[in-house]
Amino acid sequence: MQQERGDDEAVVFSCISDSRQTVRAISIGREQDLADVSDETLRAWLRAAPRIGRLV
């Protein structure tokens, strides 16, 4: 089930080759289509995304 909670979506960055790397997340607007986002934009989002802790 998908719930809509506002006008933004989240992009979560996780390193699949090194699980010790901190997970990061950033909120983006719904006008962004991830299939059309450039690599440079993804890199900028990764740099801007704050680290998040483990959810338990």
Protein backbone atom coordinates (compact mmCIF):
# COMPACT_ATOMS: atom_id res chain seq x y z
CA MET A 1 0.00 0.00 0.00
CA GLN A 2 1.36 3.41 -0.94
CA GLN A 3 0.46 6.41 1.17
CA GLU A 4 0.79 10.00 0.03
CA ARG A 5 1.89 12.33 2.78
CA GLY A 6 2.75 15.53 1.01
CA ASP A 7 4.34 17.10 -1.98
CA ASP A 8 7.81 15.59 -1.57
CA GLU A 9 9.42 12.19 -2.00
CA ALA A 10 12.62 10.83 -0.52
CA VAL A 11 15.71 9.48 -2.21
CA VAL A 12 17.72 7.09 -0.03
CA PHE A 13 21.38 6.48 -0.83
CA SER A 14 22.91 3.23 0.42
CA CYS A 15 26.27 1.72 -0.55
CA ILE A 16 25.71 -1.86 -1.70
CA SER A 17 29.41 -2.71 -1.86
CA ASP A 18 30.27 -1.48 1.66
CA SER A 19 27.48 -1.76 4.21
CA ARG A 20 29.60 0.15 6.75
CA GLN A 21 28.95 3.37 4.81
CA THR A 22 26.33 5.61 6.36
CA VAL A 23 22.93 5.68 4.68
CA ARG A 24 21.85 9.12 3.49
CA ALA A 25 18.44 10.49 2.50
CA ILE A 26 17.15 13.66 0.91
CA SER A 27 13.71 15.00 0.14
CA ILE A 28 12.93 15.95 -3.46
CA GLY A 29 9.88 17.45 -5.08
CA ARG A 30 7.39 15.30 -6.94
CA GLU A 31 8.14 17.16 -10.17
CA GLN A 32 11.42 15.23 -10.42
CA ASP A 33 11.27 11.99 -12.41
CA LEU A 34 14.17 9.84 -11.21
CA ALA A 35 14.45 8.13 -14.58
CA ASP A 36 15.36 11.50 -16.13
CA VAL A 37 17.78 12.76 -13.45
CA SER A 38 21.40 13.11 -14.57
CA ASP A 39 24.33 11.47 -12.80
CA GLU A 40 25.61 14.92 -11.83
CA THR A 41 22.29 15.74 -10.15
CA LEU A 42 22.39 12.45 -8.24
CA ARG A 43 25.94 13.23 -7.10
CA ALA A 44 24.85 16.69 -5.93
CA TRP A 45 21.92 15.18 -4.03
CA LEU A 46 24.27 12.64 -2.41
CA ARG A 47 26.63 15.41 -1.29
CA ALA A 48 23.71 17.40 0.13
CA ALA A 49 21.94 14.45 1.80
CA PRO A 50 22.48 14.22 5.55
CA ARG A 51 23.55 10.95 7.13
CA ILE A 52 20.82 9.04 8.89
CA GLY A 53 21.12 6.52 11.69
CA ARG A 54 19.70 3.05 11.86
CA LEU A 55 15.99 2.73 12.23
CA VAL A 56 14.96 0.19 14.82
